[in-house]
Amino acid sequence: MKHHIHSDDIAIGFQIAPMIDVVFVIMLFFMVMTGSVKVERELRTRLPNPGNPEQAVPFPAEEITIGILEDGTVTMNEEVFDTPKDKALPSLTKNLRRASESSARQQQKVLVTIQAEEQASYERVIDVLNSLHKAGIQNVTFTVGNNPL
């Protein structure tokens, strides 16, 4: 016994619905992508006139950070100077004077930031200010903890 499978010839035509779906997906893709395209614009910049090339260019200022800890320890750029009981701070004053003279020779300013801990004594801050005065440094700012004053 042989069984024959009978199939009807079905005419398969062009399906328009899936094609419309694909076109809508492509159109949606391009609509979304146009928002993320960066527009390049020309920046019109003018370079400064070199003027006199022999003219001296000012150098940036030298920055020094002086820390005052609660126990009276004084640091300059994270290096400990003198003892907490030494009121005159001779080593700190000597190094500040050397930095001031070096900056003067290079025609730079010296900027000093004093970072005192909240419980540091006022007397120790005055000792540091006296050392700065002896070294001839005038540009001083203060911070307490992490908050600038």
C-alpha atoms as a PDB file:
ATOM      1  CA  MET A   1       0.000   0.000   0.000  1.00  0.00           C
ATOM      2  CA  LYS A   2       1.388   3.175  -1.066  1.00  0.00           C
ATOM      3  CA  HIS A   3       0.225   6.396   0.355  1.00  0.00           C
ATOM      4  CA  HIS A   4       0.496   9.412  -1.704  1.00  0.00           C
ATOM      5  CA  ILE A   5       0.683  12.714  -0.021  1.00  0.00           C
ATOM      6  CA  HIS A   6      -1.476  15.044  -1.857  1.00  0.00           C
ATOM      7  CA  SER A   7      -0.435  18.651  -1.815  1.00  0.00           C
ATOM      8  CA  ASP A   8      -2.220  21.564  -3.260  1.00  0.00           C
ATOM      9  CA  ASP A   9      -0.188  24.057  -5.119  1.00  0.00           C
ATOM     10  CA  ILE A  10      -0.596  27.238  -3.159  1.00  0.00           C
ATOM     11  CA  ALA A  11       0.371  30.407  -4.898  1.00  0.00           C
ATOM     12  CA  ILE A  12       2.749  32.253  -2.611  1.00  0.00           C
ATOM     13  CA  GLY A  13       2.583  35.954  -3.341  1.00  0.00           C
ATOM     14  CA  PHE A  14       4.543  38.942  -2.164  1.00  0.00           C
ATOM     15  CA  GLN A  15       3.784  39.598   1.530  1.00  0.00           C
ATOM     16  CA  ILE A  16       3.522  43.349   2.113  1.00  0.00           C
ATOM     17  CA  ALA A  17       2.906  43.368   5.922  1.00  0.00           C
ATOM     18  CA  PRO A  18       6.381  42.077   6.943  1.00  0.00           C
ATOM     19  CA  MET A  19       7.977  44.477   4.466  1.00  0.00           C
ATOM     20  CA  ILE A  20       6.174  47.437   6.072  1.00  0.00           C
ATOM     21  CA  ASP A  21       7.328  46.281   9.520  1.00  0.00           C
ATOM     22  CA  VAL A  22      10.939  46.167   8.364  1.00  0.00           C
ATOM     23  CA  VAL A  23      10.692  49.640   6.815  1.00  0.00           C
ATOM     24  CA  PHE A  24       9.229  51.049  10.035  1.00  0.00           C
ATOM     25  CA  VAL A  25      12.029  49.475  12.119  1.00  0.00           C
ATOM     26  CA  ILE A  26      14.689  50.923   9.805  1.00  0.00           C
ATOM     27  CA  MET A  27      12.993  54.329   9.861  1.00  0.00           C
ATOM     28  CA  LEU A  28      12.805  54.223  13.676  1.00  0.00           C
ATOM     29  CA  PHE A  29      16.525  53.325  13.847  1.00  0.00           C
ATOM     30  CA  PHE A  30      17.514  56.311  11.714  1.00  0.00           C
ATOM     31  CA  MET A  31      15.236  58.670  13.636  1.00  0.00           C
ATOM     32  CA  VAL A  32      16.851  57.645  16.939  1.00  0.00           C
ATOM     33  CA  MET A  33      20.397  57.785  15.563  1.00  0.00           C
ATOM     34  CA  THR A  34      20.054  61.289  14.115  1.00  0.00           C
ATOM     35  CA  GLY A  35      19.701  62.665  17.646  1.00  0.00           C
ATOM     36  CA  SER A  36      23.094  61.278  18.660  1.00  0.00           C
ATOM     37  CA  VAL A  37      25.038  62.608  15.680  1.00  0.00           C
ATOM     38  CA  LYS A  38      27.409  65.384  16.737  1.00  0.00           C
ATOM     39  CA  VAL A  39      27.566  68.367  14.476  1.00  0.00           C
ATOM     40  CA  GLU A  40      31.096  69.554  13.855  1.00  0.00           C
ATOM     41  CA  ARG A  41      31.519  73.278  13.819  1.00  0.00           C
ATOM     42  CA  GLU A  42      34.477  75.428  13.021  1.00  0.00           C
ATOM     43  CA  LEU A  43      36.040  77.169  15.970  1.00  0.00           C
ATOM     44  CA  ARG A  44      37.358  80.535  15.016  1.00  0.00           C
ATOM     45  CA  THR A  45      40.352  81.223  17.198  1.00  0.00           C
ATOM     46  CA  ARG A  46      42.983  83.862  16.920  1.00  0.00           C
ATOM     47  CA  LEU A  47      46.425  83.207  18.238  1.00  0.00           C
ATOM     48  CA  PRO A  48      47.957  85.998  20.277  1.00  0.00           C
ATOM     49  CA  ASN A  49      50.458  88.213  18.584  1.00  0.00           C
ATOM     50  CA  PRO A  50      53.963  87.141  19.625  1.00  0.00           C
ATOM     51  CA  GLY A  51      54.923  90.802  20.043  1.00  0.00           C
ATOM     52  CA  ASN A  52      58.484  91.123  21.214  1.00  0.00           C
ATOM     53  CA  PRO A  53      60.019  87.613  21.414  1.00  0.00           C
ATOM     54  CA  GLU A  54      62.814  88.916  23.635  1.00  0.00           C
ATOM     55  CA  GLN A  55      60.312  89.996  26.275  1.00  0.00           C
ATOM     56  CA  ALA A  56      60.455  87.880  29.436  1.00  0.00           C
ATOM     57  CA  VAL A  57      57.593  85.460  30.010  1.00  0.00           C
ATOM     58  CA  PRO A  58      56.390  85.361  33.630  1.00  0.00           C
ATOM     59  CA  PHE A  59      56.749  81.960  35.263  1.00  0.00           C
ATOM     60  CA  PRO A  60      53.984  80.432  37.358  1.00  0.00           C
ATOM     61  CA  ALA A  61      54.196  80.868  41.094  1.00  0.00           C
ATOM     62  CA  GLU A  62      55.891  78.313  43.343  1.00  0.00           C
ATOM     63  CA  GLU A  63      53.389  76.735  45.719  1.00  0.00           C
ATOM     64  CA  ILE A  64      54.307  75.620  49.216  1.00  0.00           C
ATOM     65  CA  THR A  65      51.972  73.848  51.618  1.00  0.00           C
ATOM     66  CA  ILE A  66      52.659  74.156  55.338  1.00  0.00           C
ATOM     67  CA  GLY A  67      50.780  71.796  57.634  1.00  0.00           C
ATOM     68  CA  ILE A  68      50.213  72.362  61.333  1.00  0.00           C
ATOM     69  CA  LEU A  69      49.155  69.265  63.240  1.00  0.00           C
ATOM     70  CA  GLU A  70      47.306  69.119  66.559  1.00  0.00           C
ATOM     71  CA  ASP A  71      50.465  68.156  68.477  1.00  0.00           C
ATOM     72  CA  GLY A  72      52.350  71.216  67.125  1.00  0.00           C
ATOM     73  CA  THR A  73      54.285  69.399  64.410  1.00  0.00           C
ATOM     74  CA  VAL A  74      54.947  71.622  61.392  1.00  0.00           C
ATOM     75  CA  THR A  75      55.388  70.197  57.890  1.00  0.00           C
ATOM     76  CA  MET A  76      56.384  71.870  54.653  1.00  0.00           C
ATOM     77  CA  ASN A  77      55.265  69.959  51.549  1.00  0.00           C
ATOM     78  CA  GLU A  78      54.703  66.906  53.798  1.00  0.00           C
ATOM     79  CA  GLU A  79      58.249  67.008  55.262  1.00  0.00           C
ATOM     80  CA  VAL A  80      58.491  67.511  59.040  1.00  0.00           C
ATOM     81  CA  PHE A  81      60.527  70.502  60.262  1.00  0.00           C
ATOM     82  CA  ASP A  82      61.717  71.292  63.778  1.00  0.00           C
ATOM     83  CA  THR A  83      60.194  69.895  66.962  1.00  0.00           C
ATOM     84  CA  PRO A  84      56.693  70.646  68.238  1.00  0.00           C
ATOM     85  CA  LYS A  85      58.192  72.531  71.224  1.00  0.00           C
ATOM     86  CA  ASP A  86      60.565  74.724  69.150  1.00  0.00           C
ATOM     87  CA  LYS A  87      58.888  78.131  68.982  1.00  0.00           C
ATOM     88  CA  ALA A  88      61.414  79.806  66.624  1.00  0.00           C
ATOM     89  CA  LEU A  89      61.193  77.102  63.894  1.00  0.00           C
ATOM     90  CA  PRO A  90      64.755  77.737  62.627  1.00  0.00           C
ATOM     91  CA  SER A  91      64.841  74.880  60.119  1.00  0.00           C
ATOM     92  CA  LEU A  92      61.490  75.881  58.601  1.00  0.00           C
ATOM     93  CA  THR A  93      62.543  79.542  58.432  1.00  0.00           C
ATOM     94  CA  LYS A  94      65.819  78.612  56.726  1.00  0.00           C
ATOM     95  CA  ASN A  95      64.041  76.511  54.083  1.00  0.00           C
ATOM     96  CA  LEU A  96      61.377  79.169  53.513  1.00  0.00           C
ATOM     97  CA  ARG A  97      64.079  81.820  53.088  1.00  0.00           C
ATOM     98  CA  ARG A  98      65.902  79.569  50.587  1.00  0.00           C
ATOM     99  CA  ALA A  99      62.658  79.014  48.619  1.00  0.00           C
ATOM    100  CA  SER A 100      61.916  82.745  48.647  1.00  0.00           C
ATOM    101  CA  GLU A 101      65.399  83.654  47.372  1.00  0.00           C
ATOM    102  CA  SER A 102      65.257  80.968  44.683  1.00  0.00           C
ATOM    103  CA  SER A 103      61.867  82.200  43.487  1.00  0.00           C
ATOM    104  CA  ALA A 104      63.086  85.805  43.460  1.00  0.00           C
ATOM    105  CA  ARG A 105      66.022  84.827  41.228  1.00  0.00           C
ATOM    106  CA  GLN A 106      63.620  83.083  38.838  1.00  0.00           C
ATOM    107  CA  GLN A 107      61.187  86.017  39.004  1.00  0.00           C
ATOM    108  CA  GLN A 108      58.441  83.875  40.506  1.00  0.00           C
ATOM    109  CA  LYS A 109      56.023  84.462  43.326  1.00  0.00           C
ATOM    110  CA  VAL A 110      55.872  82.146  46.306  1.00  0.00           C
ATOM    111  CA  LEU A 111      52.357  81.130  47.313  1.00  0.00           C
ATOM    112  CA  VAL A 112      52.016  79.502  50.724  1.00  0.00           C
ATOM    113  CA  THR A 113      48.959  77.645  51.948  1.00  0.00           C
ATOM    114  CA  ILE A 114      48.785  76.960  55.675  1.00  0.00           C
ATOM    115  CA  GLN A 115      46.702  73.873  56.401  1.00  0.00           C
ATOM    116  CA  ALA A 116      46.049  73.790  60.114  1.00  0.00           C
ATOM    117  CA  GLU A 117      44.150  70.955  61.724  1.00  0.00           C
ATOM    118  CA  GLU A 118      41.039  72.041  63.595  1.00  0.00           C
ATOM    119  CA  GLN A 119      42.570  71.433  67.034  1.00  0.00           C
ATOM    120  CA  ALA A 120      45.968  73.010  66.232  1.00  0.00           C
ATOM    121  CA  SER A 121      46.917  75.810  68.617  1.00  0.00           C
ATOM    122  CA  TYR A 122      46.688  79.411  67.468  1.00  0.00           C
ATOM    123  CA  GLU A 123      50.103  80.035  68.981  1.00  0.00           C
ATOM    124  CA  ARG A 124      51.642  77.504  66.577  1.00  0.00           C
ATOM    125  CA  VAL A 125      49.961  79.222  63.621  1.00  0.00           C
ATOM    126  CA  ILE A 126      51.500  82.526  64.787  1.00  0.00           C
ATOM    127  CA  ASP A 127      54.911  80.805  65.016  1.00  0.00           C
ATOM    128  CA  VAL A 128      54.567  79.736  61.373  1.00  0.00           C
ATOM    129  CA  LEU A 129      53.461  83.240  60.344  1.00  0.00           C
ATOM    130  CA  ASN A 130      56.543  84.659  62.098  1.00  0.00           C
ATOM    131  CA  SER A 131      58.748  82.262  60.093  1.00  0.00           C
ATOM    132  CA  LEU A 132      57.044  83.370  56.882  1.00  0.00           C
ATOM    133  CA  HIS A 133      57.649  87.019  57.810  1.00  0.00           C
ATOM    134  CA  LYS A 134      61.337  86.345  58.493  1.00  0.00           C
ATOM    135  CA  ALA A 135      61.619  84.652  55.088  1.00  0.00           C
ATOM    136  CA  GLY A 136      59.943  87.620  53.367  1.00  0.00           C
ATOM    137  CA  ILE A 137      56.932  85.661  52.076  1.00  0.00           C
ATOM    138  CA  GLN A 138      53.688  87.623  51.896  1.00  0.00           C
ATOM    139  CA  ASN A 139      51.278  85.564  49.757  1.00  0.00           C
ATOM    140  CA  VAL A 140      49.630  83.309  52.353  1.00  0.00           C
ATOM    141  CA  THR A 141      46.264  81.552  52.407  1.00  0.00           C
ATOM    142  CA  PHE A 142      44.716  79.463  55.182  1.00  0.00           C
ATOM    143  CA  THR A 143      42.721  76.260  55.273  1.00  0.00           C
ATOM    144  CA  VAL A 144      41.353  74.420  58.280  1.00  0.00           C
ATOM    145  CA  GLY A 145      40.864  70.696  57.782  1.00  0.00           C
ATOM    146  CA  ASN A 146      39.742  70.405  54.144  1.00  0.00           C
ATOM    147  CA  ASN A 147      37.708  73.623  53.997  1.00  0.00           C
ATOM    148  CA  PRO A 148      39.385  76.789  52.675  1.00  0.00           C
ATOM    149  CA  LEU A 149      38.750  79.921  54.717  1.00  0.00           C
END
